[in-house]
Amino acid sequence: MKVEPVFIVTNKRMKQIGYIDGERYVTDRDTKKHWFRKYSGWAISKGVLDALKSRLINTIIIRVKNSKTLYLTTREQYEIWGTIIPAKMSKEDTQVVLSLEHFEVM
């Protein structure tokens, strides 16, 4: 199965933020940088979610750096239950935060 890297452009440079493995999007996250305490959840760029939707990829796996913890959810959960954080508030691009209750912790 082909693994494809996923990139975003930040500050005029490309940055790999995860990869597509078959029908799954997998991303490594650092709790100190990517955990939204106010919403008790993980954020994903709205642009990435839109790209996953266009490719019919629904499964999302978040791997926590320096831990063996995995969080499993779906793109549909982000669409239904996610909270949109506008670009001006997230400092990068528009993000969608999904609270922990919508993940299966592995």
PDB file of N, CA and C in Angstrom:
ATOM      1  N   MET A   1       0.834  -1.178   0.000  1.00  0.00           N
ATOM      2  CA  MET A   1       0.000   0.000   0.000  1.00  0.00           C
ATOM      3  C   MET A   1       0.881   1.244   0.000  1.00  0.00           C
ATOM      4  N   LYS A   2       0.522   2.197  -0.823  1.00  0.00           N
ATOM      5  CA  LYS A   2       1.306   3.415  -0.973  1.00  0.00           C
ATOM      6  C   LYS A   2       1.031   4.396   0.168  1.00  0.00           C
ATOM      7  N   VAL A   3       2.088   4.918   0.754  1.00  0.00           N
ATOM      8  CA  VAL A   3       1.983   5.933   1.804  1.00  0.00           C
ATOM      9  C   VAL A   3       2.322   7.275   1.172  1.00  0.00           C
ATOM     10  N   GLU A   4       1.425   8.259   1.350  1.00  0.00           N
ATOM     11  CA  GLU A   4       1.615   9.587   0.763  1.00  0.00           C
ATOM     12  C   GLU A   4       1.753  10.632   1.860  1.00  0.00           C
ATOM     13  N   PRO A   5       2.804  11.446   1.828  1.00  0.00           N
ATOM     14  CA  PRO A   5       2.932  12.514   2.823  1.00  0.00           C
ATOM     15  C   PRO A   5       1.888  13.601   2.597  1.00  0.00           C
ATOM     16  N   VAL A   6       1.489  14.269   3.683  1.00  0.00           N
ATOM     17  CA  VAL A   6       0.548  15.387   3.629  1.00  0.00           C
ATOM     18  C   VAL A   6       1.300  16.629   4.094  1.00  0.00           C
ATOM     19  N   PHE A   7       1.236  17.691   3.296  1.00  0.00           N
ATOM     20  CA  PHE A   7       1.954  18.928   3.590  1.00  0.00           C
ATOM     21  C   PHE A   7       0.981  20.090   3.729  1.00  0.00           C
ATOM     22  N   ILE A   8       1.394  21.099   4.508  1.00  0.00           N
ATOM     23  CA  ILE A   8       0.722  22.393   4.523  1.00  0.00           C
ATOM     24  C   ILE A   8       1.800  23.459   4.338  1.00  0.00           C
ATOM     25  N   VAL A   9       1.387  24.654   3.952  1.00  0.00           N
ATOM     26  CA  VAL A   9       2.323  25.765   3.811  1.00  0.00           C
ATOM     27  C   VAL A   9       2.148  26.666   5.021  1.00  0.00           C
ATOM     28  N   THR A  10       3.243  26.869   5.757  1.00  0.00           N
ATOM     29  CA  THR A  10       3.235  27.783   6.902  1.00  0.00           C
ATOM     30  C   THR A  10       4.416  28.743   6.750  1.00  0.00           C
ATOM     31  N   ASN A  11       4.154  29.992   6.961  1.00  0.00           N
ATOM     32  CA  ASN A  11       5.210  31.008   6.850  1.00  0.00           C
ATOM     33  C   ASN A  11       6.010  30.847   5.564  1.00  0.00           C
ATOM     34  N   LYS A  12       5.308  30.596   4.465  1.00  0.00           N
ATOM     35  CA  LYS A  12       5.897  30.474   3.128  1.00  0.00           C
ATOM     36  C   LYS A  12       6.842  29.285   2.982  1.00  0.00           C
ATOM     37  N   ARG A  13       6.671  28.256   3.822  1.00  0.00           N
ATOM     38  CA  ARG A  13       7.460  27.035   3.635  1.00  0.00           C
ATOM     39  C   ARG A  13       6.549  25.827   3.798  1.00  0.00           C
ATOM     40  N   MET A  14       6.932  24.749   3.141  1.00  0.00           N
ATOM     41  CA  MET A  14       6.126  23.531   3.226  1.00  0.00           C
ATOM     42  C   MET A  14       6.548  22.720   4.441  1.00  0.00           C
ATOM     43  N   LYS A  15       5.557  22.140   5.113  1.00  0.00           N
ATOM     44  CA  LYS A  15       5.810  21.368   6.323  1.00  0.00           C
ATOM     45  C   LYS A  15       4.969  20.091   6.252  1.00  0.00           C
ATOM     46  N   GLN A  16       5.629  18.943   6.446  1.00  0.00           N
ATOM     47  CA  GLN A  16       4.872  17.696   6.468  1.00  0.00           C
ATOM     48  C   GLN A  16       4.167  17.573   7.810  1.00  0.00           C
ATOM     49  N   ILE A  17       2.853  17.300   7.757  1.00  0.00           N
ATOM     50  CA  ILE A  17       2.065  17.228   8.988  1.00  0.00           C
ATOM     51  C   ILE A  17       1.454  15.856   9.215  1.00  0.00           C
ATOM     52  N   GLY A  18       1.683  14.953   8.300  1.00  0.00           N
ATOM     53  CA  GLY A  18       1.131  13.610   8.446  1.00  0.00           C
ATOM     54  C   GLY A  18       1.266  12.859   7.142  1.00  0.00           C
ATOM     55  N   TYR A  19       0.543  11.744   7.058  1.00  0.00           N
ATOM     56  CA  TYR A  19       0.574  10.975   5.821  1.00  0.00           C
ATOM     57  C   TYR A  19      -0.723  10.197   5.662  1.00  0.00           C
ATOM     58  N   ILE A  20      -0.988   9.826   4.412  1.00  0.00           N
ATOM     59  CA  ILE A  20      -2.142   8.995   4.100  1.00  0.00           C
ATOM     60  C   ILE A  20      -1.623   7.597   3.851  1.00  0.00           C
ATOM     61  N   ASP A  21      -2.180   6.657   4.588  1.00  0.00           N
ATOM     62  CA  ASP A  21      -1.812   5.246   4.470  1.00  0.00           C
ATOM     63  C   ASP A  21      -3.076   4.492   4.084  1.00  0.00           C
ATOM     64  N   GLY A  22      -3.237   4.259   2.788  1.00  0.00           N
ATOM     65  CA  GLY A  22      -4.461   3.613   2.325  1.00  0.00           C
ATOM     66  C   GLY A  22      -5.654   4.529   2.516  1.00  0.00           C
ATOM     67  N   GLU A  23      -6.557   4.136   3.402  1.00  0.00           N
ATOM     68  CA  GLU A  23      -7.760   4.938   3.673  1.00  0.00           C
ATOM     69  C   GLU A  23      -7.698   5.630   5.027  1.00  0.00           C
ATOM     70  N   ARG A  24      -6.476   5.821   5.552  1.00  0.00           N
ATOM     71  CA  ARG A  24      -6.302   6.453   6.863  1.00  0.00           C
ATOM     72  C   ARG A  24      -5.367   7.651   6.763  1.00  0.00           C
ATOM     73  N   TYR A  25      -5.714   8.697   7.527  1.00  0.00           N
ATOM     74  CA  TYR A  25      -4.811   9.831   7.697  1.00  0.00           C
ATOM     75  C   TYR A  25      -4.162   9.673   9.061  1.00  0.00           C
ATOM     76  N   VAL A  26      -2.828   9.682   9.092  1.00  0.00           N
ATOM     77  CA  VAL A  26      -2.068   9.508  10.331  1.00  0.00           C
ATOM     78  C   VAL A  26      -1.213  10.751  10.544  1.00  0.00           C
ATOM     79  N   THR A  27      -1.253  11.279  11.764  1.00  0.00           N
ATOM     80  CA  THR A  27      -0.457  12.463  12.086  1.00  0.00           C
ATOM     81  C   THR A  27       0.138  12.321  13.481  1.00  0.00           C
ATOM     82  N   ASP A  28       1.374  12.778  13.631  1.00  0.00           N
ATOM     83  CA  ASP A  28       2.054  12.775  14.930  1.00  0.00           C
ATOM     84  C   ASP A  28       1.880  14.153  15.551  1.00  0.00           C
ATOM     85  N   ARG A  29       1.494  14.182  16.819  1.00  0.00           N
ATOM     86  CA  ARG A  29       1.240  15.455  17.495  1.00  0.00           C
ATOM     87  C   ARG A  29       1.987  15.534  18.817  1.00  0.00           C
ATOM     88  N   ASP A  30       2.389  16.744  19.137  1.00  0.00           N
ATOM     89  CA  ASP A  30       3.023  17.055  20.412  1.00  0.00           C
ATOM     90  C   ASP A  30       1.955  17.706  21.287  1.00  0.00           C
ATOM     91  N   THR A  31       1.696  17.126  22.444  1.00  0.00           N
ATOM     92  CA  THR A  31       0.649  17.633  23.328  1.00  0.00           C
ATOM     93  C   THR A  31       0.865  19.108  23.662  1.00  0.00           C
ATOM     94  N   LYS A  32       2.098  19.516  23.880  1.00  0.00           N
ATOM     95  CA  LYS A  32       2.369  20.904  24.254  1.00  0.00           C
ATOM     96  C   LYS A  32       2.020  21.883  23.140  1.00  0.00           C
ATOM     97  N   LYS A  33       2.100  21.439  21.885  1.00  0.00           N
ATOM     98  CA  LYS A  33       1.845  22.326  20.756  1.00  0.00           C
ATOM     99  C   LYS A  33       0.439  22.183  20.171  1.00  0.00           C
ATOM    100  N   HIS A  34      -0.119  20.983  20.190  1.00  0.00           N
ATOM    101  CA  HIS A  34      -1.326  20.706  19.419  1.00  0.00           C
ATOM    102  C   HIS A  34      -2.587  20.415  20.234  1.00  0.00           C
ATOM    103  N   TRP A  35      -2.441  20.299  21.527  1.00  0.00           N
ATOM    104  CA  TRP A  35      -3.612  20.018  22.372  1.00  0.00           C
ATOM    105  C   TRP A  35      -4.281  21.344  22.722  1.00  0.00           C
ATOM    106  N   PHE A  36      -5.579  21.469  22.433  1.00  0.00           N
ATOM    107  CA  PHE A  36      -6.324  22.679  22.766  1.00  0.00           C
ATOM    108  C   PHE A  36      -6.995  22.473  24.125  1.00  0.00           C
ATOM    109  N   ARG A  37      -6.399  23.046  25.157  1.00  0.00           N
ATOM    110  CA  ARG A  37      -6.920  22.872  26.522  1.00  0.00           C
ATOM    111  C   ARG A  37      -8.329  23.428  26.669  1.00  0.00           C
ATOM    112  N   LYS A  38      -8.588  24.566  26.069  1.00  0.00           N
ATOM    113  CA  LYS A  38      -9.898  25.204  26.202  1.00  0.00           C
ATOM    114  C   LYS A  38     -11.020  24.277  25.725  1.00  0.00           C
ATOM    115  N   TYR A  39     -10.727  23.474  24.716  1.00  0.00           N
ATOM    116  CA  TYR A  39     -11.737  22.581  24.146  1.00  0.00           C
ATOM    117  C   TYR A  39     -11.485  21.110  24.480  1.00  0.00           C
ATOM    118  N   SER A  40     -10.433  20.844  25.222  1.00  0.00           N
ATOM    119  CA  SER A  40     -10.040  19.469  25.573  1.00  0.00           C
ATOM    120  C   SER A  40     -10.031  18.573  24.347  1.00  0.00           C
ATOM    121  N   GLY A  41      -9.270  19.002  23.340  1.00  0.00           N
ATOM    122  CA  GLY A  41      -9.252  18.207  22.126  1.00  0.00           C
ATOM    123  C   GLY A  41      -8.086  18.495  21.208  1.00  0.00           C
ATOM    124  N   TRP A  42      -8.073  17.734  20.109  1.00  0.00           N
ATOM    125  CA  TRP A  42      -7.039  17.836  19.084  1.00  0.00           C
ATOM    126  C   TRP A  42      -7.571  18.616  17.892  1.00  0.00           C
ATOM    127  N   ALA A  43      -6.726  19.470  17.322  1.00  0.00           N
ATOM    128  CA  ALA A  43      -7.110  20.263  16.160  1.00  0.00           C
ATOM    129  C   ALA A  43      -6.453  19.735  14.895  1.00  0.00           C
ATOM    130  N   ILE A  44      -7.193  19.859  13.805  1.00  0.00           N
ATOM    131  CA  ILE A  44      -6.675  19.549  12.475  1.00  0.00           C
ATOM    132  C   ILE A  44      -7.067  20.707  11.566  1.00  0.00           C
ATOM    133  N   SER A  45      -6.171  21.061  10.670  1.00  0.00           N
ATOM    134  CA  SER A  45      -6.428  22.131   9.717  1.00  0.00           C
ATOM    135  C   SER A  45      -7.689  21.837   8.907  1.00  0.00           C
ATOM    136  N   LYS A  46      -8.537  22.855   8.762  1.00  0.00           N
ATOM    137  CA  LYS A  46      -9.750  22.693   7.959  1.00  0.00           C
ATOM    138  C   LYS A  46      -9.396  22.322   6.531  1.00  0.00           C
ATOM    139  N   GLY A  47      -8.305  22.872   6.012  1.00  0.00           N
ATOM    140  CA  GLY A  47      -7.857  22.534   4.657  1.00  0.00           C
ATOM    141  C   GLY A  47      -7.521  21.063   4.514  1.00  0.00           C
ATOM    142  N   VAL A  48      -6.890  20.493   5.550  1.00  0.00           N
ATOM    143  CA  VAL A  48      -6.574  19.064   5.524  1.00  0.00           C
ATOM    144  C   VAL A  48      -7.861  18.252   5.565  1.00  0.00           C
ATOM    145  N   LEU A  49      -8.790  18.622   6.430  1.00  0.00           N
ATOM    146  CA  LEU A  49     -10.073  17.900   6.503  1.00  0.00           C
ATOM    147  C   LEU A  49     -10.811  17.954   5.167  1.00  0.00           C
ATOM    148  N   ASP A  50     -10.790  19.112   4.509  1.00  0.00           N
ATOM    149  CA  ASP A  50     -11.439  19.236   3.202  1.00  0.00           C
ATOM    150  C   ASP A  50     -10.765  18.329   2.173  1.00  0.00           C
ATOM    151  N   ALA A  51      -9.433  18.268   2.209  1.00  0.00           N
ATOM    152  CA  ALA A  51      -8.699  17.409   1.277  1.00  0.00           C
ATOM    153  C   ALA A  51      -9.011  15.934   1.537  1.00  0.00           C
ATOM    154  N   LEU A  52      -9.110  15.554   2.818  1.00  0.00           N
ATOM    155  CA  LEU A  52      -9.456  14.169   3.147  1.00  0.00           C
ATOM    156  C   LEU A  52     -10.847  13.830   2.633  1.00  0.00           C
ATOM    157  N   LYS A  53     -11.765  14.763   2.775  1.00  0.00           N
ATOM    158  CA  LYS A  53     -13.135  14.537   2.297  1.00  0.00           C
ATOM    159  C   LYS A  53     -13.159  14.331   0.786  1.00  0.00           C
ATOM    160  N   SER A  54     -12.412  15.145   0.063  1.00  0.00           N
ATOM    161  CA  SER A  54     -12.404  15.028  -1.399  1.00  0.00           C
ATOM    162  C   SER A  54     -11.808  13.700  -1.856  1.00  0.00           C
ATOM    163  N   ARG A  55     -10.970  13.099  -1.011  1.00  0.00           N
ATOM    164  CA  ARG A  55     -10.364  11.805  -1.345  1.00  0.00           C
ATOM    165  C   ARG A  55     -11.089  10.638  -0.684  1.00  0.00           C
ATOM    166  N   LEU A  56     -12.214  10.939  -0.030  1.00  0.00           N
ATOM    167  CA  LEU A  56     -13.042   9.920   0.643  1.00  0.00           C
ATOM    168  C   LEU A  56     -12.293   9.182   1.745  1.00  0.00           C
ATOM    169  N   ILE A  57     -11.367   9.896   2.407  1.00  0.00           N
ATOM    170  CA  ILE A  57     -10.633   9.319   3.539  1.00  0.00           C
ATOM    171  C   ILE A  57     -11.346   9.749   4.813  1.00  0.00           C
ATOM    172  N   ASN A  58     -11.741   8.767   5.624  1.00  0.00           N
ATOM    173  CA  ASN A  58     -12.538   9.078   6.805  1.00  0.00           C
ATOM    174  C   ASN A  58     -11.807   8.800   8.116  1.00  0.00           C
ATOM    175  N   THR A  59     -10.968   7.804   8.175  1.00  0.00           N
ATOM    176  CA  THR A  59     -10.302   7.427   9.429  1.00  0.00           C
ATOM    177  C   THR A  59      -9.128   8.359   9.716  1.00  0.00           C
ATOM    178  N   ILE A  60      -9.081   8.853  10.956  1.00  0.00           N
ATOM    179  CA  ILE A  60      -8.002   9.739  11.405  1.00  0.00           C
ATOM    180  C   ILE A  60      -7.354   9.124  12.637  1.00  0.00           C
ATOM    181  N   ILE A  61      -6.029   9.014  12.587  1.00  0.00           N
ATOM    182  CA  ILE A  61      -5.268   8.499  13.725  1.00  0.00           C
ATOM    183  C   ILE A  61      -4.270   9.573  14.148  1.00  0.00           C
ATOM    184  N   ILE A  62      -4.330   9.957  15.410  1.00  0.00           N
ATOM    185  CA  ILE A  62      -3.377  10.906  15.980  1.00  0.00           C
ATOM    186  C   ILE A  62      -2.460  10.135  16.907  1.00  0.00           C
ATOM    187  N   ARG A  63      -1.166  10.170  16.590  1.00  0.00           N
ATOM    188  CA  ARG A  63      -0.156   9.518  17.431  1.00  0.00           C
ATOM    189  C   ARG A  63       0.522  10.593  18.266  1.00  0.00           C
ATOM    190  N   VAL A  64       0.559  10.394  19.563  1.00  0.00           N
ATOM    191  CA  VAL A  64       1.161  11.383  20.456  1.00  0.00           C
ATOM    192  C   VAL A  64       2.655  11.127  20.548  1.00  0.00           C
ATOM    193  N   LYS A  65       3.433  12.150  20.221  1.00  0.00           N
ATOM    194  CA  LYS A  65       4.891  12.047  20.301  1.00  0.00           C
ATOM    195  C   LYS A  65       5.294  11.779  21.744  1.00  0.00           C
ATOM    196  N   ASN A  66       6.378  11.042  21.930  1.00  0.00           N
ATOM    197  CA  ASN A  66       6.910  10.691  23.250  1.00  0.00           C
ATOM    198  C   ASN A  66       5.912   9.899  24.077  1.00  0.00           C
ATOM    199  N   SER A  67       5.029   9.172  23.411  1.00  0.00           N
ATOM    200  CA  SER A  67       4.019   8.365  24.085  1.00  0.00           C
ATOM    201  C   SER A  67       3.613   7.254  23.127  1.00  0.00           C
ATOM    202  N   LYS A  68       2.990   6.243  23.650  1.00  0.00           N
ATOM    203  CA  LYS A  68       2.474   5.182  22.791  1.00  0.00           C
ATOM    204  C   LYS A  68       0.972   5.327  22.590  1.00  0.00           C
ATOM    205  N   THR A  69       0.428   6.467  23.011  1.00  0.00           N
ATOM    206  CA  THR A  69      -1.012   6.689  22.928  1.00  0.00           C
ATOM    207  C   THR A  69      -1.430   7.028  21.502  1.00  0.00           C
ATOM    208  N   LEU A  70      -2.513   6.407  21.054  1.00  0.00           N
ATOM    209  CA  LEU A  70      -3.121   6.690  19.762  1.00  0.00           C
ATOM    210  C   LEU A  70      -4.547   7.147  19.997  1.00  0.00           C
ATOM    211  N   TYR A  71      -4.973   8.134  19.230  1.00  0.00           N
ATOM    212  CA  TYR A  71      -6.349   8.604  19.263  1.00  0.00           C
ATOM    213  C   TYR A  71      -6.961   8.311  17.896  1.00  0.00           C
ATOM    214  N   LEU A  72      -8.075   7.609  17.891  1.00  0.00           N
ATOM    215  CA  LEU A  72      -8.738   7.207  16.662  1.00  0.00           C
ATOM    216  C   LEU A  72     -10.110   7.873  16.568  1.00  0.00           C
ATOM    217  N   THR A  73     -10.386   8.474  15.417  1.00  0.00           N
ATOM    218  CA  THR A  73     -11.686   9.089  15.175  1.00  0.00           C
ATOM    219  C   THR A  73     -11.939   9.104  13.677  1.00  0.00           C
ATOM    220  N   THR A  74     -12.955   9.849  13.271  1.00  0.00           N
ATOM    221  CA  THR A  74     -13.254   9.956  11.847  1.00  0.00           C
ATOM    222  C   THR A  74     -13.367  11.420  11.437  1.00  0.00           C
ATOM    223  N   ARG A  75     -13.199  11.635  10.154  1.00  0.00           N
ATOM    224  CA  ARG A  75     -13.385  12.972   9.604  1.00  0.00           C
ATOM    225  C   ARG A  75     -14.819  13.425   9.852  1.00  0.00           C
ATOM    226  N   GLU A  76     -15.765  12.495   9.764  1.00  0.00           N
ATOM    227  CA  GLU A  76     -17.173  12.841   9.999  1.00  0.00           C
ATOM    228  C   GLU A  76     -17.393  13.363  11.417  1.00  0.00           C
ATOM    229  N   GLN A  77     -16.688  12.816  12.396  1.00  0.00           N
ATOM    230  CA  GLN A  77     -16.796  13.326  13.766  1.00  0.00           C
ATOM    231  C   GLN A  77     -16.349  14.781  13.827  1.00  0.00           C
ATOM    232  N   TYR A  78     -15.259  15.110  13.116  1.00  0.00           N
ATOM    233  CA  TYR A  78     -14.801  16.502  13.061  1.00  0.00           C
ATOM    234  C   TYR A  78     -15.859  17.390  12.423  1.00  0.00           C
ATOM    235  N   GLU A  79     -16.509  16.898  11.358  1.00  0.00           N
ATOM    236  CA  GLU A  79     -17.525  17.695  10.669  1.00  0.00           C
ATOM    237  C   GLU A  79     -18.754  17.922  11.548  1.00  0.00           C
ATOM    238  N   ILE A  80     -19.170  16.908  12.277  1.00  0.00           N
ATOM    239  CA  ILE A  80     -20.389  16.994  13.085  1.00  0.00           C
ATOM    240  C   ILE A  80     -20.152  17.717  14.409  1.00  0.00           C
ATOM    241  N   TRP A  81     -19.103  17.356  15.126  1.00  0.00           N
ATOM    242  CA  TRP A  81     -18.892  17.815  16.490  1.00  0.00           C
ATOM    243  C   TRP A  81     -17.756  18.820  16.666  1.00  0.00           C
ATOM    244  N   GLY A  82     -16.974  19.083  15.612  1.00  0.00           N
ATOM    245  CA  GLY A  82     -15.808  19.950  15.733  1.00  0.00           C
ATOM    246  C   GLY A  82     -16.161  21.411  15.946  1.00  0.00           C
ATOM    247  N   THR A  83     -15.253  22.125  16.593  1.00  0.00           N
ATOM    248  CA  THR A  83     -15.367  23.563  16.815  1.00  0.00           C
ATOM    249  C   THR A  83     -14.365  24.256  15.898  1.00  0.00           C
ATOM    250  N   ILE A  84     -14.834  25.192  15.101  1.00  0.00           N
ATOM    251  CA  ILE A  84     -13.967  25.896  14.154  1.00  0.00           C
ATOM    252  C   ILE A  84     -13.242  27.033  14.873  1.00  0.00           C
ATOM    253  N   ILE A  85     -11.928  27.069  14.697  1.00  0.00           N
ATOM    254  CA  ILE A  85     -11.087  28.126  15.251  1.00  0.00           C
ATOM    255  C   ILE A  85     -10.560  28.926  14.057  1.00  0.00           C
ATOM    256  N   PRO A  86     -11.027  30.166  13.879  1.00  0.00           N
ATOM    257  CA  PRO A  86     -10.601  30.966  12.716  1.00  0.00           C
ATOM    258  C   PRO A  86      -9.095  31.187  12.685  1.00  0.00           C
ATOM    259  N   ALA A  87      -8.573  31.397  11.495  1.00  0.00           N
ATOM    260  CA  ALA A  87      -7.131  31.571  11.301  1.00  0.00           C
ATOM    261  C   ALA A  87      -6.548  32.659  12.191  1.00  0.00           C
ATOM    262  N   LYS A  88      -7.260  33.766  12.364  1.00  0.00           N
ATOM    263  CA  LYS A  88      -6.711  34.862  13.173  1.00  0.00           C
ATOM    264  C   LYS A  88      -6.537  34.464  14.637  1.00  0.00           C
ATOM    265  N   MET A  89      -7.294  33.467  15.104  1.00  0.00           N
ATOM    266  CA  MET A  89      -7.161  33.008  16.497  1.00  0.00           C
ATOM    267  C   MET A  89      -6.152  31.884  16.631  1.00  0.00           C
ATOM    268  N   SER A  90      -6.012  31.048  15.597  1.00  0.00           N
ATOM    269  CA  SER A  90      -5.116  29.897  15.691  1.00  0.00           C
ATOM    270  C   SER A  90      -3.689  30.238  15.287  1.00  0.00           C
ATOM    271  N   LYS A  91      -3.480  31.423  14.742  1.00  0.00           N
ATOM    272  CA  LYS A  91      -2.177  31.947  14.346  1.00  0.00           C
ATOM    273  C   LYS A  91      -1.618  31.326  13.074  1.00  0.00           C
ATOM    274  N   GLU A  92      -2.212  30.279  12.563  1.00  0.00           N
ATOM    275  CA  GLU A  92      -1.726  29.633  11.341  1.00  0.00           C
ATOM    276  C   GLU A  92      -2.824  29.673  10.292  1.00  0.00           C
ATOM    277  N   ASP A  93      -3.684  28.671  10.319  1.00  0.00           N
ATOM    278  CA  ASP A  93      -4.800  28.585   9.391  1.00  0.00           C
ATOM    279  C   ASP A  93      -6.036  28.166  10.177  1.00  0.00           C
ATOM    280  N   THR A  94      -7.172  28.134   9.529  1.00  0.00           N
ATOM    281  CA  THR A  94      -8.395  27.741  10.220  1.00  0.00           C
ATOM    282  C   THR A  94      -8.273  26.291  10.674  1.00  0.00           C
ATOM    283  N   GLN A  95      -8.576  26.073  11.936  1.00  0.00           N
ATOM    284  CA  GLN A  95      -8.474  24.752  12.547  1.00  0.00           C
ATOM    285  C   GLN A  95      -9.853  24.275  12.973  1.00  0.00           C
ATOM    286  N   VAL A  96     -10.000  22.959  13.079  1.00  0.00           N
ATOM    287  CA  VAL A  96     -11.210  22.369  13.634  1.00  0.00           C
ATOM    288  C   VAL A  96     -10.765  21.508  14.812  1.00  0.00           C
ATOM    289  N   VAL A  97     -11.309  21.812  15.994  1.00  0.00           N
ATOM    290  CA  VAL A  97     -10.934  21.095  17.218  1.00  0.00           C
ATOM    291  C   VAL A  97     -12.041  20.102  17.564  1.00  0.00           C
ATOM    292  N   LEU A  98     -11.643  18.880  17.869  1.00  0.00           N
ATOM    293  CA  LEU A  98     -12.586  17.842  18.277  1.00  0.00           C
ATOM    294  C   LEU A  98     -12.255  17.419  19.694  1.00  0.00           C
ATOM    295  N   SER A  99     -13.238  17.481  20.582  1.00  0.00           N
ATOM    296  CA  SER A  99     -12.996  17.144  21.987  1.00  0.00           C
ATOM    297  C   SER A  99     -12.745  15.641  22.145  1.00  0.00           C
ATOM    298  N   LEU A 100     -12.059  15.330  23.209  1.00  0.00           N
ATOM    299  CA  LEU A 100     -11.590  13.971  23.472  1.00  0.00           C
ATOM    300  C   LEU A 100     -12.713  12.937  23.517  1.00  0.00           C
ATOM    301  N   GLU A 101     -13.904  13.349  23.901  1.00  0.00           N
ATOM    302  CA  GLU A 101     -15.016  12.398  24.004  1.00  0.00           C
ATOM    303  C   GLU A 101     -15.375  11.754  22.672  1.00  0.00           C
ATOM    304  N   HIS A 102     -14.897  12.333  21.560  1.00  0.00           N
ATOM    305  CA  HIS A 102     -15.216  11.801  20.233  1.00  0.00           C
ATOM    306  C   HIS A 102     -14.072  10.964  19.647  1.00  0.00           C
ATOM    307  N   PHE A 103     -13.122  10.589  20.505  1.00  0.00           N
ATOM    308  CA  PHE A 103     -11.997   9.740  20.101  1.00  0.00           C
ATOM    309  C   PHE A 103     -12.048   8.417  20.843  1.00  0.00           C
ATOM    310  N   GLU A 104     -11.525   7.401  20.203  1.00  0.00           N
ATOM    311  CA  GLU A 104     -11.242   6.148  20.888  1.00  0.00           C
ATOM    312  C   GLU A 104      -9.760   6.205  21.228  1.00  0.00           C
ATOM    313  N   VAL A 105      -9.438   6.059  22.511  1.00  0.00           N
ATOM    314  CA  VAL A 105      -8.045   6.128  22.957  1.00  0.00           C
ATOM    315  C   VAL A 105      -7.488   4.721  22.973  1.00  0.00           C
ATOM    316  N   MET A 106      -6.343   4.567  22.330  1.00  0.00           N
ATOM    317  CA  MET A 106      -5.736   3.228  22.221  1.00  0.00           C
ATOM    318  C   MET A 106      -4.351   3.230  22.831  1.00  0.00           C
TER     319      MET A 106
END
